[in-house]
Amino acid sequence: HGMDVAASCNRIPTLDGHLENVFAETAEDVST
């Protein structure tokens, strides 16, 4: 896929479950 991806991965003191904050740039305007 041609998208650019930049990641910053961090460990926190939860036992299970990865929570992620995502910022996506799209060619089209989108609404929530």
Full PDB file with SEQRES, HELIX, SHEET, SSBOND, CRYST1, ORIGX, SCALE, CONECT and MASTER records, all heavy atoms in Angstrom:
SEQRES   1 A   32  HIS GLY MET ASP VAL ALA ALA SER CYS ASN ARG ILE PRO          
SEQRES   2 A   32  THR LEU ASP GLY HIS LEU GLU ASN VAL PHE ALA GLU THR          
SEQRES   3 A   32  ALA GLU ASP VAL SER THR                                      
CRYST1    1.000    1.000    1.000  90.00  90.00  90.00 P 1           1          
ORIGX1      1.000000  0.000000  0.000000        0.00000                         
ORIGX2      0.000000  1.000000  0.000000        0.00000                         
ORIGX3      0.000000  0.000000  1.000000        0.00000                         
SCALE1      1.000000  0.000000  0.000000        0.00000                         
SCALE2      0.000000  1.000000  0.000000        0.00000                         
SCALE3      0.000000  0.000000  1.000000        0.00000                         
ATOM      1  N   HIS A   1       0.841  -1.197   0.000  1.00  0.00           N  
ATOM      2  CA  HIS A   1       0.000   0.000   0.000  1.00  0.00           C  
ATOM      3  C   HIS A   1       0.877   1.247   0.000  1.00  0.00           C  
ATOM      4  O   HIS A   1       1.938   1.286   0.632  1.00  0.00           O  
ATOM      5  CB  HIS A   1      -0.906  -0.015   1.235  1.00  0.00           C  
ATOM      6  CG  HIS A   1      -2.045   0.949   1.167  1.00  0.00           C  
ATOM      7  ND1 HIS A   1      -1.882   2.309   1.296  1.00  0.00           N  
ATOM      8  CD2 HIS A   1      -3.382   0.744   0.990  1.00  0.00           C  
ATOM      9  CE1 HIS A   1      -3.063   2.900   1.205  1.00  0.00           C  
ATOM     10  NE2 HIS A   1      -3.994   1.975   1.019  1.00  0.00           N  
ATOM     11  N   GLY A   2       0.432   2.276  -0.679  1.00  0.00           N  
ATOM     12  CA  GLY A   2       1.244   3.473  -0.852  1.00  0.00           C  
ATOM     13  C   GLY A   2       1.227   4.457   0.306  1.00  0.00           C  
ATOM     14  O   GLY A   2       1.935   5.463   0.254  1.00  0.00           O  
ATOM     15  N   MET A   3       0.446   4.208   1.352  1.00  0.00           N  
ATOM     16  CA  MET A   3       0.382   5.161   2.457  1.00  0.00           C  
ATOM     17  C   MET A   3       1.709   5.214   3.210  1.00  0.00           C  
ATOM     18  O   MET A   3       2.457   4.239   3.274  1.00  0.00           O  
ATOM     19  CB  MET A   3      -0.734   4.779   3.430  1.00  0.00           C  
ATOM     20  CG  MET A   3      -0.503   3.452   4.131  1.00  0.00           C  
ATOM     21  SD  MET A   3      -1.866   2.967   5.206  1.00  0.00           S  
ATOM     22  CE  MET A   3      -1.328   1.329   5.716  1.00  0.00           C  
ATOM     23  N   ASP A   4       1.992   6.379   3.795  1.00  0.00           N  
ATOM     24  CA  ASP A   4       3.111   6.513   4.724  1.00  0.00           C  
ATOM     25  C   ASP A   4       2.622   6.144   6.119  1.00  0.00           C  
ATOM     26  O   ASP A   4       1.520   6.547   6.518  1.00  0.00           O  
ATOM     27  CB  ASP A   4       3.640   7.949   4.739  1.00  0.00           C  
ATOM     28  CG  ASP A   4       4.262   8.347   3.417  1.00  0.00           C  
ATOM     29  OD1 ASP A   4       4.929   7.501   2.797  1.00  0.00           O  
ATOM     30  OD2 ASP A   4       4.074   9.510   2.992  1.00  0.00           O  
ATOM     31  N   VAL A   5       3.428   5.389   6.855  1.00  0.00           N  
ATOM     32  CA  VAL A   5       3.060   4.998   8.218  1.00  0.00           C  
ATOM     33  C   VAL A   5       4.204   5.351   9.154  1.00  0.00           C  
ATOM     34  O   VAL A   5       5.355   4.982   8.898  1.00  0.00           O  
ATOM     35  CB  VAL A   5       2.759   3.487   8.314  1.00  0.00           C  
ATOM     36  CG1 VAL A   5       2.287   3.129   9.731  1.00  0.00           C  
ATOM     37  CG2 VAL A   5       1.709   3.061   7.289  1.00  0.00           C  
ATOM     38  N   ALA A   6       3.895   6.065  10.234  1.00  0.00           N  
ATOM     39  CA  ALA A   6       4.875   6.391  11.266  1.00  0.00           C  
ATOM     40  C   ALA A   6       4.308   5.951  12.610  1.00  0.00           C  
ATOM     41  O   ALA A   6       3.176   6.301  12.957  1.00  0.00           O  
ATOM     42  CB  ALA A   6       5.171   7.885  11.285  1.00  0.00           C  
ATOM     43  N   ALA A   7       5.068   5.152  13.356  1.00  0.00           N  
ATOM     44  CA  ALA A   7       4.585   4.580  14.611  1.00  0.00           C  
ATOM     45  C   ALA A   7       5.521   4.919  15.760  1.00  0.00           C  
ATOM     46  O   ALA A   7       6.743   4.976  15.593  1.00  0.00           O  
ATOM     47  CB  ALA A   7       4.447   3.065  14.478  1.00  0.00           C  
ATOM     48  N   SER A   8       4.936   5.119  16.927  1.00  0.00           N  
ATOM     49  CA  SER A   8       5.673   5.263  18.179  1.00  0.00           C  
ATOM     50  C   SER A   8       5.053   4.303  19.178  1.00  0.00           C  
ATOM     51  O   SER A   8       3.880   4.470  19.555  1.00  0.00           O  
ATOM     52  CB  SER A   8       5.597   6.701  18.698  1.00  0.00           C  
ATOM     53  OG  SER A   8       6.165   6.798  19.992  1.00  0.00           O  
ATOM     54  N   CYS A   9       5.787   3.285  19.591  1.00  0.00           N  
ATOM     55  CA  CYS A   9       5.229   2.201  20.405  1.00  0.00           C  
ATOM     56  C   CYS A   9       5.740   2.290  21.841  1.00  0.00           C  
ATOM     57  O   CYS A   9       6.943   2.405  22.082  1.00  0.00           O  
ATOM     58  CB  CYS A   9       5.589   0.857  19.792  1.00  0.00           C  
ATOM     59  SG  CYS A   9       4.870   0.604  18.149  1.00  0.00           S  
ATOM     60  N   ASN A  10       4.800   2.198  22.779  1.00  0.00           N  
ATOM     61  CA  ASN A  10       5.095   2.451  24.185  1.00  0.00           C  
ATOM     62  C   ASN A  10       4.473   1.367  25.060  1.00  0.00           C  
ATOM     63  O   ASN A  10       3.377   0.886  24.789  1.00  0.00           O  
ATOM     64  CB  ASN A  10       4.519   3.814  24.598  1.00  0.00           C  
ATOM     65  CG  ASN A  10       4.897   4.914  23.628  1.00  0.00           C  
ATOM     66  OD1 ASN A  10       5.969   5.482  23.716  1.00  0.00           O  
ATOM     67  ND2 ASN A  10       4.020   5.205  22.674  1.00  0.00           N  
ATOM     68  N   ARG A  11       5.188   1.006  26.139  1.00  0.00           N  
ATOM     69  CA  ARG A  11       4.703  -0.008  27.073  1.00  0.00           C  
ATOM     70  C   ARG A  11       4.129   0.678  28.310  1.00  0.00           C  
ATOM     71  O   ARG A  11       4.755   1.585  28.880  1.00  0.00           O  
ATOM     72  CB  ARG A  11       5.844  -0.929  27.480  1.00  0.00           C  
ATOM     73  CG  ARG A  11       5.410  -2.148  28.284  1.00  0.00           C  
ATOM     74  CD  ARG A  11       4.812  -3.212  27.405  1.00  0.00           C  
ATOM     75  NE  ARG A  11       5.800  -3.823  26.521  1.00  0.00           N  
ATOM     76  CZ  ARG A  11       5.473  -4.564  25.464  1.00  0.00           C  
ATOM     77  NH1 ARG A  11       4.204  -4.777  25.157  1.00  0.00           N  
ATOM     78  NH2 ARG A  11       6.425  -5.096  24.706  1.00  0.00           N  
ATOM     79  N   ILE A  12       2.944   0.254  28.719  1.00  0.00           N  
ATOM     80  CA  ILE A  12       2.304   0.807  29.914  1.00  0.00           C  
ATOM     81  C   ILE A  12       1.883  -0.345  30.828  1.00  0.00           C  
ATOM     82  O   ILE A  12       1.795  -1.494  30.390  1.00  0.00           O  
ATOM     83  CB  ILE A  12       1.086   1.688  29.550  1.00  0.00           C  
ATOM     84  CG1 ILE A  12      -0.012   0.850  28.867  1.00  0.00           C  
ATOM     85  CG2 ILE A  12       1.523   2.858  28.675  1.00  0.00           C  
ATOM     86  CD1 ILE A  12      -1.345   1.571  28.739  1.00  0.00           C  
ATOM     87  N   PRO A  13       1.593  -0.067  32.108  1.00  0.00           N  
ATOM     88  CA  PRO A  13       1.336  -1.141  33.063  1.00  0.00           C  
ATOM     89  C   PRO A  13      -0.102  -1.659  33.074  1.00  0.00           C  
ATOM     90  O   PRO A  13      -0.736  -1.765  34.128  1.00  0.00           O  
ATOM     91  CB  PRO A  13       1.723  -0.512  34.405  1.00  0.00           C  
ATOM     92  CG  PRO A  13       1.470   0.934  34.228  1.00  0.00           C  
ATOM     93  CD  PRO A  13       1.814   1.230  32.791  1.00  0.00           C  
ATOM     94  N   THR A  14      -0.643  -1.986  31.894  1.00  0.00           N  
ATOM     95  CA  THR A  14      -1.862  -2.776  31.832  1.00  0.00           C  
ATOM     96  C   THR A  14      -1.461  -4.216  31.523  1.00  0.00           C  
ATOM     97  O   THR A  14      -0.434  -4.464  30.885  1.00  0.00           O  
ATOM     98  CB  THR A  14      -2.824  -2.264  30.746  1.00  0.00           C  
ATOM     99  OG1 THR A  14      -2.111  -2.120  29.515  1.00  0.00           O  
ATOM    100  CG2 THR A  14      -3.417  -0.926  31.135  1.00  0.00           C  
ATOM    101  N   LEU A  15      -2.287  -5.169  31.935  1.00  0.00           N  
ATOM    102  CA  LEU A  15      -1.941  -6.572  31.762  1.00  0.00           C  
ATOM    103  C   LEU A  15      -2.165  -7.028  30.326  1.00  0.00           C  
ATOM    104  O   LEU A  15      -1.264  -7.572  29.685  1.00  0.00           O  
ATOM    105  CB  LEU A  15      -2.765  -7.439  32.724  1.00  0.00           C  
ATOM    106  CG  LEU A  15      -2.460  -8.936  32.685  1.00  0.00           C  
ATOM    107  CD1 LEU A  15      -0.996  -9.211  33.001  1.00  0.00           C  
ATOM    108  CD2 LEU A  15      -3.383  -9.688  33.640  1.00  0.00           C  
ATOM    109  N   ASP A  16      -3.375  -6.813  29.811  1.00  0.00           N  
ATOM    110  CA  ASP A  16      -3.732  -7.214  28.451  1.00  0.00           C  
ATOM    111  C   ASP A  16      -4.465  -6.066  27.764  1.00  0.00           C  
ATOM    112  O   ASP A  16      -5.172  -5.297  28.415  1.00  0.00           O  
ATOM    113  CB  ASP A  16      -4.656  -8.444  28.456  1.00  0.00           C  
ATOM    114  CG  ASP A  16      -3.975  -9.696  28.957  1.00  0.00           C  
ATOM    115  OD1 ASP A  16      -2.884 -10.016  28.445  1.00  0.00           O  
ATOM    116  OD2 ASP A  16      -4.532 -10.360  29.851  1.00  0.00           O  
ATOM    117  N   GLY A  17      -4.344  -6.013  26.457  1.00  0.00           N  
ATOM    118  CA  GLY A  17      -5.084  -5.032  25.664  1.00  0.00           C  
ATOM    119  C   GLY A  17      -4.208  -3.883  25.217  1.00  0.00           C  
ATOM    120  O   GLY A  17      -3.720  -3.097  26.027  1.00  0.00           O  
ATOM    121  N   HIS A  18      -3.980  -3.787  23.897  1.00  0.00           N  
ATOM    122  CA  HIS A  18      -3.200  -2.684  23.329  1.00  0.00           C  
ATOM    123  C   HIS A  18      -4.155  -1.574  22.890  1.00  0.00           C  
ATOM    124  O   HIS A  18      -5.049  -1.798  22.064  1.00  0.00           O  
ATOM    125  CB  HIS A  18      -2.407  -3.152  22.114  1.00  0.00           C  
ATOM    126  CG  HIS A  18      -1.238  -4.039  22.448  1.00  0.00           C  
ATOM    127  ND1 HIS A  18      -0.833  -4.307  23.735  1.00  0.00           N  
ATOM    128  CD2 HIS A  18      -0.376  -4.718  21.630  1.00  0.00           C  
ATOM    129  CE1 HIS A  18       0.213  -5.107  23.707  1.00  0.00           C  
ATOM    130  NE2 HIS A  18       0.513  -5.362  22.445  1.00  0.00           N  
ATOM    131  N   LEU A  19      -3.957  -0.391  23.437  1.00  0.00           N  
ATOM    132  CA  LEU A  19      -4.725   0.797  23.078  1.00  0.00           C  
ATOM    133  C   LEU A  19      -3.850   1.666  22.184  1.00  0.00           C  
ATOM    134  O   LEU A  19      -2.654   1.856  22.464  1.00  0.00           O  
ATOM    135  CB  LEU A  19      -5.120   1.569  24.340  1.00  0.00           C  
ATOM    136  CG  LEU A  19      -5.921   2.860  24.149  1.00  0.00           C  
ATOM    137  CD1 LEU A  19      -7.274   2.593  23.516  1.00  0.00           C  
ATOM    138  CD2 LEU A  19      -6.088   3.575  25.499  1.00  0.00           C  
ATOM    139  N   GLU A  20      -4.439   2.204  21.098  1.00  0.00           N  
ATOM    140  CA  GLU A  20      -3.648   2.955  20.131  1.00  0.00           C  
ATOM    141  C   GLU A  20      -4.367   4.237  19.728  1.00  0.00           C  
ATOM    142  O   GLU A  20      -5.591   4.245  19.540  1.00  0.00           O  
ATOM    143  CB  GLU A  20      -3.370   2.088  18.901  1.00  0.00           C  
ATOM    144  CG  GLU A  20      -2.645   0.804  19.266  1.00  0.00           C  
ATOM    145  CD  GLU A  20      -2.374  -0.130  18.105  1.00  0.00           C  
ATOM    146  OE1 GLU A  20      -2.749   0.189  16.959  1.00  0.00           O  
ATOM    147  OE2 GLU A  20      -1.787  -1.203  18.356  1.00  0.00           O  
ATOM    148  N   ASN A  21      -3.592   5.301  19.594  1.00  0.00           N  
ATOM    149  CA  ASN A  21      -4.097   6.592  19.126  1.00  0.00           C  
ATOM    150  C   ASN A  21      -3.671   6.755  17.678  1.00  0.00           C  
ATOM    151  O   ASN A  21      -2.484   6.832  17.380  1.00  0.00           O  
ATOM    152  CB  ASN A  21      -3.534   7.736  19.969  1.00  0.00           C  
ATOM    153  CG  ASN A  21      -3.648   7.498  21.471  1.00  0.00           C  
ATOM    154  OD1 ASN A  21      -2.667   7.602  22.189  1.00  0.00           O  
ATOM    155  ND2 ASN A  21      -4.830   7.161  21.933  1.00  0.00           N  
ATOM    156  N   VAL A  22      -4.651   6.818  16.767  1.00  0.00           N  
ATOM    157  CA  VAL A  22      -4.370   6.803  15.334  1.00  0.00           C  
ATOM    158  C   VAL A  22      -4.768   8.142  14.713  1.00  0.00           C  
ATOM    159  O   VAL A  22      -5.850   8.681  14.999  1.00  0.00           O  
ATOM    160  CB  VAL A  22      -5.143   5.663  14.638  1.00  0.00           C  
ATOM    161  CG1 VAL A  22      -4.823   5.630  13.140  1.00  0.00           C  
ATOM    162  CG2 VAL A  22      -4.812   4.317  15.278  1.00  0.00           C  
ATOM    163  N   PHE A  23      -3.901   8.650  13.838  1.00  0.00           N  
ATOM    164  CA  PHE A  23      -4.173   9.854  13.061  1.00  0.00           C  
ATOM    165  C   PHE A  23      -4.030   9.470  11.592  1.00  0.00           C  
ATOM    166  O   PHE A  23      -2.926   9.133  11.148  1.00  0.00           O  
ATOM    167  CB  PHE A  23      -3.189  10.967  13.417  1.00  0.00           C  
ATOM    168  CG  PHE A  23      -3.215  11.362  14.872  1.00  0.00           C  
ATOM    169  CD1 PHE A  23      -2.577  10.578  15.829  1.00  0.00           C  
ATOM    170  CD2 PHE A  23      -3.881  12.507  15.285  1.00  0.00           C  
ATOM    171  CE1 PHE A  23      -2.598  10.932  17.169  1.00  0.00           C  
ATOM    172  CE2 PHE A  23      -3.903  12.873  16.628  1.00  0.00           C  
ATOM    173  CZ  PHE A  23      -3.267  12.078  17.571  1.00  0.00           C  
ATOM    174  N   ALA A  24      -5.137   9.489  10.853  1.00  0.00           N  
ATOM    175  CA  ALA A  24      -5.129   9.047   9.459  1.00  0.00           C  
ATOM    176  C   ALA A  24      -5.434  10.214   8.534  1.00  0.00           C  
ATOM    177  O   ALA A  24      -6.409  10.954   8.735  1.00  0.00           O  
ATOM    178  CB  ALA A  24      -6.152   7.939   9.252  1.00  0.00           C  
ATOM    179  N   GLU A  25      -4.608  10.389   7.524  1.00  0.00           N  
ATOM    180  CA  GLU A  25      -4.825  11.406   6.497  1.00  0.00           C  
ATOM    181  C   GLU A  25      -5.465  10.743   5.284  1.00  0.00           C  
ATOM    182  O   GLU A  25      -4.987   9.710   4.801  1.00  0.00           O  
ATOM    183  CB  GLU A  25      -3.505  12.061   6.105  1.00  0.00           C  
ATOM    184  CG  GLU A  25      -2.827  12.794   7.257  1.00  0.00           C  
ATOM    185  CD  GLU A  25      -1.506  13.421   6.856  1.00  0.00           C  
ATOM    186  OE1 GLU A  25      -1.279  13.603   5.631  1.00  0.00           O  
ATOM    187  OE2 GLU A  25      -0.691  13.720   7.752  1.00  0.00           O  
ATOM    188  N   THR A  26      -6.537  11.343   4.791  1.00  0.00           N  
ATOM    189  CA  THR A  26      -7.288  10.761   3.684  1.00  0.00           C  
ATOM    190  C   THR A  26      -7.386  11.744   2.523  1.00  0.00           C  
ATOM    191  O   THR A  26      -7.408  12.964   2.719  1.00  0.00           O  
ATOM    192  CB  THR A  26      -8.706  10.370   4.128  1.00  0.00           C  
ATOM    193  OG1 THR A  26      -9.375  11.523   4.660  1.00  0.00           O  
ATOM    194  CG2 THR A  26      -8.668   9.279   5.182  1.00  0.00           C  
ATOM    195  N   ALA A  27      -7.477  11.186   1.313  1.00  0.00           N  
ATOM    196  CA  ALA A  27      -7.608  12.029   0.120  1.00  0.00           C  
ATOM    197  C   ALA A  27      -8.956  12.736   0.094  1.00  0.00           C  
ATOM    198  O   ALA A  27      -9.061  13.879  -0.360  1.00  0.00           O  
ATOM    199  CB  ALA A  27      -7.425  11.181  -1.133  1.00  0.00           C  
ATOM    200  N   GLU A  28      -9.982  12.063   0.577  1.00  0.00           N  
ATOM    201  CA  GLU A  28     -11.323  12.640   0.610  1.00  0.00           C  
ATOM    202  C   GLU A  28     -11.607  13.277   1.960  1.00  0.00           C  
ATOM    203  O   GLU A  28     -11.086  12.839   2.991  1.00  0.00           O  
ATOM    204  CB  GLU A  28     -12.376  11.552   0.350  1.00  0.00           C  
ATOM    205  CG  GLU A  28     -12.278  10.882  -1.002  1.00  0.00           C  
ATOM    206  CD  GLU A  28     -13.347   9.817  -1.170  1.00  0.00           C  
ATOM    207  OE1 GLU A  28     -14.356   9.850  -0.420  1.00  0.00           O  
ATOM    208  OE2 GLU A  28     -13.171   8.946  -2.043  1.00  0.00           O  
ATOM    209  N   ASP A  29     -12.442  14.315   1.954  1.00  0.00           N  
ATOM    210  CA  ASP A  29     -12.940  14.856   3.208  1.00  0.00           C  
ATOM    211  C   ASP A  29     -13.907  13.849   3.821  1.00  0.00           C  
ATOM    212  O   ASP A  29     -14.734  13.249   3.124  1.00  0.00           O  
ATOM    213  CB  ASP A  29     -13.671  16.180   2.972  1.00  0.00           C  
ATOM    214  CG  ASP A  29     -12.722  17.290   2.541  1.00  0.00           C  
ATOM    215  OD1 ASP A  29     -11.517  17.201   2.867  1.00  0.00           O  
ATOM    216  OD2 ASP A  29     -13.182  18.227   1.867  1.00  0.00           O  
ATOM    217  N   VAL A  30     -13.795  13.641   5.133  1.00  0.00           N  
ATOM    218  CA  VAL A  30     -14.663  12.681   5.812  1.00  0.00           C  
ATOM    219  C   VAL A  30     -15.304  13.348   7.016  1.00  0.00           C  
ATOM    220  O   VAL A  30     -14.770  14.299   7.582  1.00  0.00           O  
ATOM    221  CB  VAL A  30     -13.893  11.424   6.264  1.00  0.00           C  
ATOM    222  CG1 VAL A  30     -13.405  10.621   5.074  1.00  0.00           C  
ATOM    223  CG2 VAL A  30     -12.724  11.784   7.179  1.00  0.00           C  
ATOM    224  N   SER A  31     -16.448  12.836   7.412  1.00  0.00           N  
ATOM    225  CA  SER A  31     -17.106  13.251   8.642  1.00  0.00           C  
ATOM    226  C   SER A  31     -16.960  12.141   9.672  1.00  0.00           C  
ATOM    227  O   SER A  31     -16.629  10.997   9.338  1.00  0.00           O  
ATOM    228  CB  SER A  31     -18.592  13.522   8.388  1.00  0.00           C  
ATOM    229  OG  SER A  31     -19.270  12.318   8.063  1.00  0.00           O  
ATOM    230  N   THR A  32     -17.218  12.477  10.923  1.00  0.00           N  
ATOM    231  CA  THR A  32     -17.168  11.443  11.955  1.00  0.00           C  
ATOM    232  C   THR A  32     -18.205  10.357  11.671  1.00  0.00           C  
ATOM    233  O   THR A  32     -17.962   9.176  11.934  1.00  0.00           O  
ATOM    234  CB  THR A  32     -17.420  12.052  13.346  1.00  0.00           C  
ATOM    235  OG1 THR A  32     -18.672  12.750  13.351  1.00  0.00           O  
ATOM    236  CG2 THR A  32     -16.301  13.015  13.727  1.00  0.00           C  
TER     237      THR A  32                                                      
MASTER        0    0    0    0    0    0    0    6  236    1    0    3          
END                                                                             
